[in-house]
Amino acid sequence: MADWLRVGGLAVTVITAGEFSENTYLIAPVGGVDCAVIDPGADGPRTVDAARRAGLTVRFILTTHGHADHTGAVATVKRELGGSYAAHEADAAMIARPDPWIVAMLSGFETPPVIDLSLKGGESLAIGGLRIEVIATPGHTPGSVCFRCGSAVFSGDTLFRGSIGRYDLPGGNGEQELKSIRERLLVLPDETEVFPGHGPKTTIELERRTNPFLN
């Protein structure tokens, strides 16, 4: 059974799976039944099982960007649990037609369904009594976004513990990525907990103070 972490009024669990050890997150109000699934990239059955065991109803399936290691299990989760699929419009093409070389490295990849809710940044999505703020953070990909809920932010491949996302893939822009991090993420409160697309969680304060790419 999945282990759940409490961040203020938010309950969070992480499922790390796939060849790239990508982090899939389930988030829900503490004591609530509505949830969102963030970046279901691989091993969809594990995510489905975790949601069912917790008695959760999926309202949204959210992807932080369009790379296949973050979208490969969207179809499974949506088929089994429902929910509206939301992603930034600028990454819609790569979601619909993922790079073959990335797909070739992934087992069990399934082409994602059509996006239900096209994001631009600035939207606010409701799960139970909580709001999920969509923050546009282009750079890793043109349509990279982060999802903030209370004192937690889900940063995809924009910001990692002690590192930042690569920007040498098609559509990447290093200058734009650093600008996004500095102007959209580092302005968040120090105590904000950062849950990245790969690797362990961190905080805004720690990354502002120690991340070598930001100093």
N, C-alpha and C. Protein backbone atom coordinates (compact mmCIF):
# COMPACT_ATOMS: atom_id res chain seq x y z
N MET A 1 0.85 -1.19 0.00
CA MET A 1 0.00 0.00 0.00
C MET A 1 0.89 1.25 0.00
N ALA A 2 0.45 2.26 -0.71
CA ALA A 2 1.24 3.47 -0.84
C ALA A 2 1.35 4.19 0.50
N ASP A 3 2.51 4.81 0.75
CA ASP A 3 2.71 5.64 1.92
C ASP A 3 2.33 7.07 1.57
N TRP A 4 1.61 7.72 2.48
CA TRP A 4 1.13 9.07 2.23
C TRP A 4 1.83 10.06 3.14
N LEU A 5 2.20 11.19 2.58
CA LEU A 5 2.85 12.28 3.30
C LEU A 5 1.86 13.43 3.40
N ARG A 6 1.82 14.08 4.54
CA ARG A 6 0.93 15.22 4.73
C ARG A 6 1.72 16.51 4.60
N VAL A 7 1.26 17.39 3.71
CA VAL A 7 1.86 18.71 3.51
C VAL A 7 0.75 19.73 3.74
N GLY A 8 0.66 20.24 4.95
CA GLY A 8 -0.47 21.10 5.28
C GLY A 8 -1.76 20.30 5.17
N GLY A 9 -2.71 20.80 4.39
CA GLY A 9 -3.97 20.09 4.20
C GLY A 9 -3.97 19.13 3.04
N LEU A 10 -2.78 18.88 2.47
CA LEU A 10 -2.66 18.04 1.28
C LEU A 10 -2.01 16.71 1.64
N ALA A 11 -2.57 15.62 1.13
CA ALA A 11 -1.97 14.30 1.25
C ALA A 11 -1.31 13.95 -0.08
N VAL A 12 -0.06 13.47 -0.02
CA VAL A 12 0.73 13.20 -1.22
C VAL A 12 1.35 11.80 -1.13
N THR A 13 1.28 11.06 -2.21
CA THR A 13 2.05 9.83 -2.31
C THR A 13 2.77 9.82 -3.65
N VAL A 14 3.94 9.18 -3.67
CA VAL A 14 4.74 9.12 -4.89
C VAL A 14 4.93 7.67 -5.30
N ILE A 15 4.83 7.43 -6.60
CA ILE A 15 5.08 6.12 -7.20
C ILE A 15 6.20 6.32 -8.21
N THR A 16 7.36 5.77 -7.93
CA THR A 16 8.51 5.92 -8.81
C THR A 16 8.62 4.67 -9.67
N ALA A 17 8.61 4.85 -10.99
CA ALA A 17 8.53 3.70 -11.88
C ALA A 17 9.17 4.01 -13.22
N GLY A 18 9.38 2.96 -13.98
CA GLY A 18 9.87 3.12 -15.35
C GLY A 18 11.38 3.17 -15.45
N GLU A 19 11.84 3.08 -16.68
CA GLU A 19 13.28 3.05 -16.95
C GLU A 19 13.99 4.33 -16.52
N PHE A 20 13.27 5.45 -16.44
CA PHE A 20 13.87 6.72 -16.05
C PHE A 20 13.57 7.08 -14.59
N SER A 21 13.05 6.12 -13.82
CA SER A 21 12.71 6.35 -12.41
C SER A 21 11.93 7.66 -12.24
N GLU A 22 10.85 7.76 -12.99
CA GLU A 22 10.03 8.97 -12.98
C GLU A 22 9.04 8.93 -11.83
N ASN A 23 8.79 10.09 -11.23
CA ASN A 23 7.88 10.18 -10.09
C ASN A 23 6.46 10.52 -10.54
N THR A 24 5.52 9.64 -10.21
CA THR A 24 4.11 9.90 -10.38
C THR A 24 3.54 10.25 -9.01
N TYR A 25 2.73 11.30 -8.94
CA TYR A 25 2.16 11.73 -7.67
C TYR A 25 0.65 11.61 -7.67
N LEU A 26 0.11 11.14 -6.56
CA LEU A 26 -1.32 11.25 -6.27
C LEU A 26 -1.46 12.28 -5.17
N ILE A 27 -2.35 13.26 -5.37
CA ILE A 27 -2.55 14.28 -4.35
C ILE A 27 -4.05 14.41 -4.07
N ALA A 28 -4.37 14.61 -2.79
CA ALA A 28 -5.77 14.72 -2.38
C ALA A 28 -5.85 15.53 -1.10
N PRO A 29 -6.96 16.21 -0.85
CA PRO A 29 -7.15 16.85 0.44
C PRO A 29 -7.12 15.80 1.55
N VAL A 30 -6.49 16.14 2.66
CA VAL A 30 -6.48 15.21 3.79
C VAL A 30 -7.92 14.92 4.20
N GLY A 31 -8.27 13.64 4.21
CA GLY A 31 -9.61 13.22 4.57
C GLY A 31 -10.62 13.31 3.44
N GLY A 32 -10.18 13.75 2.27
CA GLY A 32 -11.08 13.89 1.13
C GLY A 32 -11.01 12.71 0.19
N VAL A 33 -11.87 12.71 -0.82
CA VAL A 33 -11.90 11.60 -1.77
C VAL A 33 -11.53 12.04 -3.19
N ASP A 34 -11.62 13.32 -3.49
CA ASP A 34 -11.23 13.80 -4.82
C ASP A 34 -9.71 13.89 -4.90
N CYS A 35 -9.15 13.51 -6.03
CA CYS A 35 -7.69 13.57 -6.16
C CYS A 35 -7.29 13.96 -7.58
N ALA A 36 -6.01 14.28 -7.70
CA ALA A 36 -5.38 14.50 -9.00
C ALA A 36 -4.18 13.57 -9.10
N VAL A 37 -3.92 13.10 -10.30
CA VAL A 37 -2.73 12.29 -10.58
C VAL A 37 -1.81 13.16 -11.43
N ILE A 38 -0.58 13.32 -10.98
CA ILE A 38 0.39 14.16 -11.67
C ILE A 38 1.47 13.30 -12.30
N ASP A 39 1.67 13.46 -13.59
CA ASP A 39 2.72 12.78 -14.35
C ASP A 39 2.71 11.26 -14.25
N PRO A 40 1.61 10.61 -14.62
CA PRO A 40 1.64 9.15 -14.68
C PRO A 40 2.45 8.70 -15.89
N GLY A 41 3.72 8.39 -15.64
CA GLY A 41 4.62 8.13 -16.76
C GLY A 41 4.82 6.66 -17.09
N ALA A 42 4.68 5.80 -16.07
CA ALA A 42 4.92 4.37 -16.29
C ALA A 42 4.19 3.57 -15.22
N ASP A 43 4.04 2.28 -15.49
CA ASP A 43 3.41 1.35 -14.54
C ASP A 43 2.08 1.89 -14.04
N GLY A 44 1.18 2.17 -15.00
CA GLY A 44 -0.13 2.67 -14.66
C GLY A 44 -0.89 1.82 -13.66
N PRO A 45 -0.81 0.47 -13.73
CA PRO A 45 -1.55 -0.35 -12.76
C PRO A 45 -1.20 -0.04 -11.31
N ARG A 46 0.04 0.32 -11.02
CA ARG A 46 0.40 0.67 -9.64
C ARG A 46 -0.32 1.93 -9.19
N THR A 47 -0.42 2.90 -10.08
CA THR A 47 -1.12 4.14 -9.76
C THR A 47 -2.61 3.87 -9.57
N VAL A 48 -3.18 3.08 -10.46
CA VAL A 48 -4.59 2.73 -10.35
C VAL A 48 -4.86 2.02 -9.02
N ASP A 49 -3.99 1.08 -8.66
CA ASP A 49 -4.17 0.33 -7.43
C ASP A 49 -4.07 1.25 -6.21
N ALA A 50 -3.11 2.19 -6.22
CA ALA A 50 -2.95 3.10 -5.08
C ALA A 50 -4.18 3.97 -4.89
N ALA A 51 -4.75 4.45 -6.00
CA ALA A 51 -5.95 5.29 -5.91
C ALA A 51 -7.14 4.48 -5.40
N ARG A 52 -7.28 3.28 -5.88
CA ARG A 52 -8.41 2.45 -5.46
C ARG A 52 -8.29 2.04 -4.00
N ARG A 53 -7.10 1.70 -3.57
CA ARG A 53 -6.90 1.31 -2.17
C ARG A 53 -7.23 2.46 -1.22
N ALA A 54 -6.94 3.69 -1.68
CA ALA A 54 -7.21 4.86 -0.85
C ALA A 54 -8.65 5.35 -0.98
N GLY A 55 -9.43 4.73 -1.86
CA GLY A 55 -10.82 5.12 -2.05
C GLY A 55 -10.98 6.48 -2.71
N LEU A 56 -10.06 6.81 -3.62
CA LEU A 56 -10.04 8.14 -4.23
C LEU A 56 -10.76 8.16 -5.58
N THR A 57 -11.31 9.32 -5.89
CA THR A 57 -11.93 9.58 -7.19
C THR A 57 -11.06 10.56 -7.95
N VAL A 58 -10.58 10.16 -9.12
CA VAL A 58 -9.68 11.01 -9.90
C VAL A 58 -10.48 12.08 -10.63
N ARG A 59 -10.18 13.33 -10.34
CA ARG A 59 -10.82 14.45 -11.02
C ARG A 59 -9.95 14.96 -12.17
N PHE A 60 -8.62 14.95 -11.97
CA PHE A 60 -7.72 15.45 -13.00
C PHE A 60 -6.51 14.53 -13.15
N ILE A 61 -6.07 14.37 -14.38
CA ILE A 61 -4.77 13.78 -14.69
C ILE A 61 -3.94 14.90 -15.29
N LEU A 62 -2.85 15.25 -14.63
CA LEU A 62 -2.06 16.43 -15.00
C LEU A 62 -0.66 16.01 -15.42
N THR A 63 -0.17 16.57 -16.52
CA THR A 63 1.23 16.33 -16.88
C THR A 63 1.98 17.65 -16.91
N THR A 64 3.17 17.64 -16.32
CA THR A 64 3.98 18.86 -16.23
C THR A 64 4.61 19.23 -17.56
N HIS A 65 4.77 18.25 -18.45
CA HIS A 65 5.29 18.53 -19.79
C HIS A 65 5.06 17.31 -20.67
N GLY A 66 5.44 17.41 -21.92
CA GLY A 66 5.03 16.41 -22.89
C GLY A 66 5.96 15.25 -23.14
N HIS A 67 7.07 15.12 -22.42
CA HIS A 67 7.98 14.00 -22.69
C HIS A 67 7.34 12.67 -22.31
N ALA A 68 7.65 11.65 -23.11
CA ALA A 68 6.96 10.37 -23.01
C ALA A 68 7.12 9.69 -21.66
N ASP A 69 8.24 9.94 -20.96
CA ASP A 69 8.42 9.28 -19.66
C ASP A 69 7.51 9.89 -18.59
N HIS A 70 6.79 10.97 -18.93
CA HIS A 70 5.83 11.58 -18.00
C HIS A 70 4.38 11.39 -18.46
N THR A 71 4.19 10.83 -19.64
CA THR A 71 2.84 10.68 -20.19
C THR A 71 2.46 9.24 -20.51
N GLY A 72 3.40 8.30 -20.35
CA GLY A 72 3.19 6.94 -20.86
C GLY A 72 2.10 6.14 -20.20
N ALA A 73 1.64 6.55 -19.00
CA ALA A 73 0.58 5.82 -18.33
C ALA A 73 -0.70 6.63 -18.20
N VAL A 74 -0.76 7.78 -18.85
CA VAL A 74 -1.99 8.60 -18.80
C VAL A 74 -3.18 7.80 -19.32
N ALA A 75 -3.00 7.10 -20.42
CA ALA A 75 -4.10 6.36 -21.02
C ALA A 75 -4.65 5.31 -20.07
N THR A 76 -3.76 4.59 -19.39
CA THR A 76 -4.19 3.56 -18.45
C THR A 76 -4.99 4.16 -17.30
N VAL A 77 -4.46 5.24 -16.72
CA VAL A 77 -5.13 5.86 -15.58
C VAL A 77 -6.50 6.41 -15.99
N LYS A 78 -6.56 7.06 -17.13
CA LYS A 78 -7.83 7.63 -17.58
C LYS A 78 -8.85 6.53 -17.90
N ARG A 79 -8.39 5.47 -18.53
CA ARG A 79 -9.30 4.38 -18.89
C ARG A 79 -9.87 3.69 -17.63
N GLU A 80 -9.03 3.52 -16.63
CA GLU A 80 -9.44 2.78 -15.44
C GLU A 80 -10.13 3.64 -14.38
N LEU A 81 -9.71 4.91 -14.29
CA LEU A 81 -10.18 5.76 -13.18
C LEU A 81 -10.93 7.01 -13.62
N GLY A 82 -10.88 7.33 -14.92
CA GLY A 82 -11.54 8.54 -15.39
C GLY A 82 -10.72 9.77 -15.07
N GLY A 83 -11.37 10.93 -15.06
CA GLY A 83 -10.68 12.19 -14.81
C GLY A 83 -10.41 12.93 -16.11
N SER A 84 -10.31 14.25 -16.03
CA SER A 84 -10.00 15.10 -17.19
C SER A 84 -8.49 15.21 -17.33
N TYR A 85 -7.99 14.98 -18.54
CA TYR A 85 -6.56 15.08 -18.80
C TYR A 85 -6.22 16.52 -19.17
N ALA A 86 -5.28 17.11 -18.42
CA ALA A 86 -4.89 18.50 -18.64
C ALA A 86 -3.40 18.61 -18.86
N ALA A 87 -3.02 19.39 -19.87
CA ALA A 87 -1.62 19.65 -20.18
C ALA A 87 -1.53 20.98 -20.92
N HIS A 88 -0.34 21.57 -20.97
CA HIS A 88 -0.18 22.85 -21.64
C HIS A 88 -0.28 22.69 -23.15
N GLU A 89 -0.94 23.65 -23.76
CA GLU A 89 -1.20 23.59 -25.20
C GLU A 89 0.08 23.56 -26.03
N ALA A 90 1.17 24.17 -25.51
CA ALA A 90 2.41 24.23 -26.28
C ALA A 90 3.09 22.87 -26.41
N ASP A 91 2.73 21.91 -25.56
CA ASP A 91 3.31 20.57 -25.64
C ASP A 91 2.34 19.56 -26.25
N ALA A 92 1.21 20.03 -26.77
CA ALA A 92 0.20 19.11 -27.30
C ALA A 92 0.73 18.25 -28.44
N ALA A 93 1.56 18.84 -29.30
CA ALA A 93 2.06 18.08 -30.46
C ALA A 93 2.98 16.95 -30.02
N MET A 94 3.87 17.21 -29.06
CA MET A 94 4.80 16.16 -28.63
C MET A 94 4.07 15.09 -27.80
N ILE A 95 2.97 15.46 -27.16
CA ILE A 95 2.18 14.47 -26.44
C ILE A 95 1.49 13.55 -27.43
N ALA A 96 0.95 14.11 -28.49
CA ALA A 96 0.25 13.30 -29.50
C ALA A 96 1.21 12.48 -30.34
N ARG A 97 2.41 13.02 -30.59
CA ARG A 97 3.41 12.33 -31.43
C ARG A 97 4.76 12.32 -30.70
N PRO A 98 4.90 11.45 -29.70
CA PRO A 98 6.12 11.43 -28.90
C PRO A 98 7.34 11.02 -29.72
N ASP A 99 8.50 11.48 -29.27
CA ASP A 99 9.75 11.14 -29.95
C ASP A 99 9.97 9.62 -29.93
N PRO A 100 10.15 9.01 -31.10
CA PRO A 100 10.31 7.54 -31.15
C PRO A 100 11.49 7.04 -30.33
N TRP A 101 12.57 7.83 -30.23
CA TRP A 101 13.75 7.34 -29.52
C TRP A 101 13.49 7.24 -28.02
N ILE A 102 12.63 8.12 -27.49
CA ILE A 102 12.27 8.02 -26.07
C ILE A 102 11.33 6.84 -25.86
N VAL A 103 10.34 6.72 -26.73
CA VAL A 103 9.38 5.63 -26.62
C VAL A 103 10.08 4.28 -26.68
N ALA A 104 11.11 4.18 -27.53
CA ALA A 104 11.84 2.93 -27.69
C ALA A 104 12.53 2.50 -26.39
N MET A 105 12.80 3.45 -25.50
CA MET A 105 13.47 3.15 -24.24
C MET A 105 12.49 2.78 -23.13
N LEU A 106 11.19 2.91 -23.40
CA LEU A 106 10.18 2.71 -22.37
C LEU A 106 9.38 1.45 -22.61
N SER A 107 9.22 0.65 -21.57
CA SER A 107 8.37 -0.53 -21.69
C SER A 107 6.96 -0.16 -21.23
N GLY A 108 5.97 -0.65 -21.95
CA GLY A 108 4.58 -0.42 -21.56
C GLY A 108 4.04 0.95 -21.91
N PHE A 109 4.78 1.72 -22.72
CA PHE A 109 4.29 3.05 -23.10
C PHE A 109 3.02 2.92 -23.94
N GLU A 110 2.05 3.80 -23.66
CA GLU A 110 0.83 3.86 -24.45
C GLU A 110 0.58 5.32 -24.84
N THR A 111 0.32 5.56 -26.10
CA THR A 111 0.08 6.94 -26.55
C THR A 111 -1.05 7.56 -25.76
N PRO A 112 -0.83 8.77 -25.20
CA PRO A 112 -1.86 9.40 -24.37
C PRO A 112 -3.12 9.74 -25.15
N PRO A 113 -4.23 9.86 -24.45
CA PRO A 113 -5.47 10.28 -25.10
C PRO A 113 -5.42 11.77 -25.45
N VAL A 114 -6.40 12.23 -26.16
CA VAL A 114 -6.51 13.66 -26.49
C VAL A 114 -6.67 14.46 -25.20
N ILE A 115 -6.00 15.61 -25.15
CA ILE A 115 -6.08 16.48 -23.98
C ILE A 115 -7.51 17.01 -23.84
N ASP A 116 -8.06 16.88 -22.63
CA ASP A 116 -9.41 17.39 -22.35
C ASP A 116 -9.38 18.88 -22.00
N LEU A 117 -8.35 19.27 -21.25
CA LEU A 117 -8.26 20.64 -20.75
C LEU A 117 -6.90 21.20 -21.14
N SER A 118 -6.91 22.14 -22.09
CA SER A 118 -5.68 22.73 -22.59
C SER A 118 -5.28 23.91 -21.70
N LEU A 119 -4.09 23.85 -21.14
CA LEU A 119 -3.63 24.84 -20.18
C LEU A 119 -2.75 25.90 -20.84
N LYS A 120 -2.76 27.08 -20.25
CA LYS A 120 -1.89 28.18 -20.68
C LYS A 120 -1.00 28.66 -19.54
N GLY A 121 -1.40 28.35 -18.31
CA GLY A 121 -0.76 28.89 -17.12
C GLY A 121 -1.68 29.92 -16.51
N GLY A 122 -1.76 29.91 -15.18
CA GLY A 122 -2.64 30.83 -14.49
C GLY A 122 -3.97 30.24 -14.10
N GLU A 123 -4.28 29.03 -14.56
CA GLU A 123 -5.54 28.39 -14.19
C GLU A 123 -5.51 27.94 -12.73
N SER A 124 -6.69 27.73 -12.20
CA SER A 124 -6.86 27.21 -10.84
C SER A 124 -7.85 26.07 -10.89
N LEU A 125 -7.42 24.89 -10.50
CA LEU A 125 -8.24 23.68 -10.58
C LEU A 125 -8.60 23.24 -9.17
N ALA A 126 -9.82 22.77 -8.97
CA ALA A 126 -10.29 22.40 -7.64
C ALA A 126 -10.32 20.90 -7.46
N ILE A 127 -9.76 20.43 -6.33
CA ILE A 127 -9.97 19.05 -5.88
C ILE A 127 -10.43 19.15 -4.42
N GLY A 128 -11.66 18.76 -4.18
CA GLY A 128 -12.21 18.93 -2.85
C GLY A 128 -12.21 20.40 -2.49
N GLY A 129 -11.70 20.72 -1.31
CA GLY A 129 -11.63 22.11 -0.89
C GLY A 129 -10.31 22.79 -1.20
N LEU A 130 -9.44 22.13 -2.00
CA LEU A 130 -8.13 22.69 -2.32
C LEU A 130 -8.09 23.17 -3.76
N ARG A 131 -7.18 24.10 -4.02
CA ARG A 131 -6.98 24.62 -5.37
C ARG A 131 -5.58 24.27 -5.85
N ILE A 132 -5.50 23.88 -7.10
CA ILE A 132 -4.22 23.61 -7.76
C ILE A 132 -3.95 24.75 -8.72
N GLU A 133 -2.88 25.49 -8.48
CA GLU A 133 -2.50 26.61 -9.33
C GLU A 133 -1.56 26.13 -10.42
N VAL A 134 -1.84 26.49 -11.65
CA VAL A 134 -0.99 26.11 -12.78
C VAL A 134 0.00 27.25 -13.04
N ILE A 135 1.30 26.93 -12.94
CA ILE A 135 2.36 27.91 -13.13
C ILE A 135 3.11 27.57 -14.41
N ALA A 136 3.08 28.44 -15.39
CA ALA A 136 3.83 28.21 -16.63
C ALA A 136 5.31 28.41 -16.38
N THR A 137 6.12 27.39 -16.69
CA THR A 137 7.57 27.46 -16.49
C THR A 137 8.29 26.92 -17.72
N PRO A 138 8.14 27.58 -18.87
CA PRO A 138 8.78 27.07 -20.09
C PRO A 138 10.29 27.05 -19.98
N GLY A 139 10.90 26.14 -20.74
CA GLY A 139 12.35 26.03 -20.76
C GLY A 139 12.79 24.60 -20.99
N HIS A 140 12.40 23.70 -20.11
CA HIS A 140 12.68 22.28 -20.35
C HIS A 140 11.96 21.84 -21.62
N THR A 141 10.72 22.25 -21.75
CA THR A 141 9.95 22.16 -22.99
C THR A 141 9.17 23.47 -23.10
N PRO A 142 8.65 23.78 -24.28
CA PRO A 142 7.87 25.02 -24.41
C PRO A 142 6.65 25.06 -23.51
N GLY A 143 6.06 23.90 -23.22
CA GLY A 143 4.84 23.86 -22.44
C GLY A 143 5.02 23.33 -21.02
N SER A 144 6.22 23.42 -20.48
CA SER A 144 6.43 22.96 -19.11
C SER A 144 5.64 23.81 -18.13
N VAL A 145 5.01 23.15 -17.17
CA VAL A 145 4.28 23.83 -16.11
C VAL A 145 4.62 23.17 -14.78
N CYS A 146 4.37 23.91 -13.70
CA CYS A 146 4.43 23.36 -12.36
C CYS A 146 3.05 23.50 -11.74
N PHE A 147 2.74 22.62 -10.83
CA PHE A 147 1.44 22.64 -10.16
C PHE A 147 1.64 22.91 -8.69
N ARG A 148 1.08 24.02 -8.21
CA ARG A 148 1.20 24.39 -6.81
C ARG A 148 -0.11 24.15 -6.09
N CYS A 149 -0.02 23.48 -4.95
CA CYS A 149 -1.20 23.24 -4.13
C CYS A 149 -0.82 23.48 -2.67
N GLY A 150 -1.29 24.57 -2.10
CA GLY A 150 -0.90 24.92 -0.74
C GLY A 150 0.58 25.17 -0.64
N SER A 151 1.25 24.47 0.27
CA SER A 151 2.69 24.66 0.45
C SER A 151 3.51 23.62 -0.28
N ALA A 152 2.93 23.01 -1.31
CA ALA A 152 3.65 22.04 -2.15
C ALA A 152 3.63 22.50 -3.60
N VAL A 153 4.73 22.26 -4.31
CA VAL A 153 4.77 22.53 -5.74
C VAL A 153 5.37 21.31 -6.43
N PHE A 154 4.74 20.90 -7.52
CA PHE A 154 5.16 19.73 -8.29
C PHE A 154 5.84 20.26 -9.54
N SER A 155 7.16 20.08 -9.60
CA SER A 155 7.98 20.84 -10.54
C SER A 155 8.36 20.10 -11.81
N GLY A 156 7.89 18.86 -11.97
CA GLY A 156 8.23 18.13 -13.19
C GLY A 156 9.72 18.07 -13.40
N ASP A 157 10.17 18.38 -14.62
CA ASP A 157 11.60 18.37 -14.92
C ASP A 157 12.17 19.78 -15.02
N THR A 158 11.50 20.74 -14.38
CA THR A 158 12.03 22.11 -14.36
C THR A 158 13.06 22.28 -13.27
N LEU A 159 12.74 21.82 -12.06
CA LEU A 159 13.64 22.00 -10.92
C LEU A 159 13.75 20.70 -10.15
N PHE A 160 15.00 20.30 -9.89
CA PHE A 160 15.30 19.11 -9.11
C PHE A 160 16.06 19.51 -7.84
N ARG A 161 16.24 18.55 -6.97
CA ARG A 161 17.10 18.78 -5.81
C ARG A 161 18.55 18.90 -6.29
N GLY A 162 19.11 20.10 -6.18
CA GLY A 162 20.49 20.33 -6.56
C GLY A 162 20.75 20.41 -8.05
N SER A 163 19.70 20.50 -8.86
CA SER A 163 19.89 20.52 -10.30
C SER A 163 18.67 21.17 -10.97
N ILE A 164 18.74 21.26 -12.29
CA ILE A 164 17.62 21.74 -13.09
C ILE A 164 17.42 20.80 -14.26
N GLY A 165 16.31 20.94 -14.96
CA GLY A 165 16.02 20.07 -16.09
C GLY A 165 16.93 20.34 -17.28
N ARG A 166 17.22 19.31 -18.04
CA ARG A 166 18.03 19.48 -19.24
C ARG A 166 17.25 20.29 -20.27
N TYR A 167 17.97 21.01 -21.10
CA TYR A 167 17.32 21.86 -22.09
C TYR A 167 17.94 21.68 -23.47
N ASP A 168 18.62 20.53 -23.66
CA ASP A 168 19.26 20.27 -24.95
C ASP A 168 18.40 19.40 -25.86
N LEU A 169 17.19 19.07 -25.42
CA LEU A 169 16.27 18.31 -26.28
C LEU A 169 15.47 19.29 -27.14
N PRO A 170 14.85 18.80 -28.22
CA PRO A 170 14.08 19.70 -29.09
C PRO A 170 13.07 20.54 -28.31
N GLY A 171 13.09 21.85 -28.54
CA GLY A 171 12.18 22.76 -27.87
C GLY A 171 12.71 23.31 -26.56
N GLY A 172 13.84 22.79 -26.08
CA GLY A 172 14.40 23.27 -24.82
C GLY A 172 15.10 24.61 -24.98
N ASN A 173 15.13 25.37 -23.90
CA ASN A 173 15.75 26.70 -23.92
C ASN A 173 16.28 26.98 -22.52
N GLY A 174 17.61 26.92 -22.37
CA GLY A 174 18.22 27.06 -21.05
C GLY A 174 18.00 28.42 -20.43
N GLU A 175 18.13 29.48 -21.21
CA GLU A 175 17.94 30.82 -20.67
C GLU A 175 16.50 30.99 -20.19
N GLN A 176 15.57 30.47 -20.96
CA GLN A 176 14.16 30.57 -20.59
C GLN A 176 13.86 29.75 -19.33
N GLU A 177 14.49 28.59 -19.22
CA GLU A 177 14.27 27.75 -18.05
C GLU A 177 14.74 28.43 -16.77
N LEU A 178 15.94 29.00 -16.81
CA LEU A 178 16.46 29.70 -15.63
C LEU A 178 15.57 30.89 -15.26
N LYS A 179 15.08 31.59 -16.27
CA LYS A 179 14.18 32.71 -16.02
C LYS A 179 12.89 32.23 -15.35
N SER A 180 12.36 31.10 -15.84
CA SER A 180 11.15 30.54 -15.24
C SER A 180 11.37 30.18 -13.78
N ILE A 181 12.49 29.54 -13.50
CA ILE A 181 12.78 29.12 -12.13
C ILE A 181 12.92 30.33 -11.21
N ARG A 182 13.67 31.31 -11.65
CA ARG A 182 13.93 32.48 -10.81
C ARG A 182 12.67 33.33 -10.60
N GLU A 183 11.88 33.49 -11.66
CA GLU A 183 10.74 34.41 -11.57
C GLU A 183 9.44 33.74 -11.14
N ARG A 184 9.34 32.41 -11.28
CA ARG A 184 8.08 31.73 -10.97
C ARG A 184 8.18 30.78 -9.78
N LEU A 185 9.37 30.24 -9.50
CA LEU A 185 9.51 29.27 -8.42
C LEU A 185 10.26 29.82 -7.21
N LEU A 186 11.38 30.47 -7.43
CA LEU A 186 12.17 30.96 -6.30
C LEU A 186 11.48 32.09 -5.55
N VAL A 187 10.42 32.64 -6.11
CA VAL A 187 9.65 33.68 -5.43
C VAL A 187 8.63 33.07 -4.45
N LEU A 188 8.47 31.75 -4.48
CA LEU A 188 7.55 31.08 -3.56
C LEU A 188 8.15 31.10 -2.15
N PRO A 189 7.33 30.94 -1.12
CA PRO A 189 7.85 30.93 0.25
C PRO A 189 8.94 29.88 0.46
N ASP A 190 9.90 30.21 1.32
CA ASP A 190 11.03 29.32 1.59
C ASP A 190 10.59 27.91 1.94
N GLU A 191 9.52 27.79 2.73
CA GLU A 191 9.11 26.49 3.24
C GLU A 191 8.36 25.64 2.22
N THR A 192 8.13 26.17 1.02
CA THR A 192 7.44 25.40 -0.01
C THR A 192 8.19 24.12 -0.31
N GLU A 193 7.50 22.99 -0.25
CA GLU A 193 8.13 21.70 -0.55
C GLU A 193 8.01 21.43 -2.05
N VAL A 194 9.13 21.05 -2.64
CA VAL A 194 9.22 20.83 -4.09
C VAL A 194 9.27 19.33 -4.35
N PHE A 195 8.32 18.86 -5.15
CA PHE A 195 8.25 17.46 -5.52
C PHE A 195 8.58 17.35 -7.02
N PRO A 196 9.79 16.92 -7.36
CA PRO A 196 10.22 16.92 -8.77
C PRO A 196 9.82 15.66 -9.52
N GLY A 197 10.04 15.71 -10.83
CA GLY A 197 9.70 14.58 -11.69
C GLY A 197 10.63 13.41 -11.56
N HIS A 198 11.81 13.62 -11.00
CA HIS A 198 12.79 12.56 -10.76
C HIS A 198 13.54 12.92 -9.48
N GLY A 199 13.88 11.93 -8.69
CA GLY A 199 14.69 12.17 -7.52
C GLY A 199 13.89 12.62 -6.31
N PRO A 200 14.61 12.94 -5.21
CA PRO A 200 13.95 13.25 -3.94
C PRO A 200 13.37 14.65 -3.90
N LYS A 201 12.47 14.86 -2.96
CA LYS A 201 11.87 16.19 -2.77
C LYS A 201 12.88 17.14 -2.15
N THR A 202 12.56 18.42 -2.20
CA THR A 202 13.44 19.45 -1.66
C THR A 202 12.57 20.62 -1.22
N THR A 203 13.18 21.76 -0.95
CA THR A 203 12.42 22.96 -0.60
C THR A 203 12.93 24.13 -1.42
N ILE A 204 12.11 25.15 -1.55
CA ILE A 204 12.53 26.35 -2.26
C ILE A 204 13.73 26.98 -1.56
N GLU A 205 13.71 27.03 -0.25
CA GLU A 205 14.82 27.64 0.50
C GLU A 205 16.13 26.91 0.22
N LEU A 206 16.10 25.59 0.22
CA LEU A 206 17.32 24.82 -0.02
C LEU A 206 17.85 25.06 -1.42
N GLU A 207 16.97 25.08 -2.42
CA GLU A 207 17.43 25.29 -3.80
C GLU A 207 17.93 26.71 -4.02
N ARG A 208 17.28 27.68 -3.42
CA ARG A 208 17.74 29.06 -3.55
C ARG A 208 19.14 29.21 -2.95
N ARG A 209 19.40 28.49 -1.88
CA ARG A 209 20.65 28.65 -1.15
C ARG A 209 21.79 27.79 -1.68
N THR A 210 21.47 26.58 -2.22
CA THR A 210 22.54 25.64 -2.52
C THR A 210 22.59 25.14 -3.95
N ASN A 211 21.57 25.35 -4.75
CA ASN A 211 21.56 24.78 -6.10
C ASN A 211 22.64 25.44 -6.94
N PRO A 212 23.65 24.69 -7.41
CA PRO A 212 24.77 25.31 -8.13
C PRO A 212 24.37 25.92 -9.47
N PHE A 213 23.25 25.50 -10.04
CA PHE A 213 22.81 26.06 -11.31
C PHE A 213 22.11 27.40 -11.15
N LEU A 214 21.79 27.75 -9.91
CA LEU A 214 21.04 28.97 -9.65
C LEU A 214 21.87 30.02 -8.92
N ASN A 215 23.15 29.73 -8.69
CA ASN A 215 24.01 30.65 -7.96
C ASN A 215 25.21 31.04 -8.82
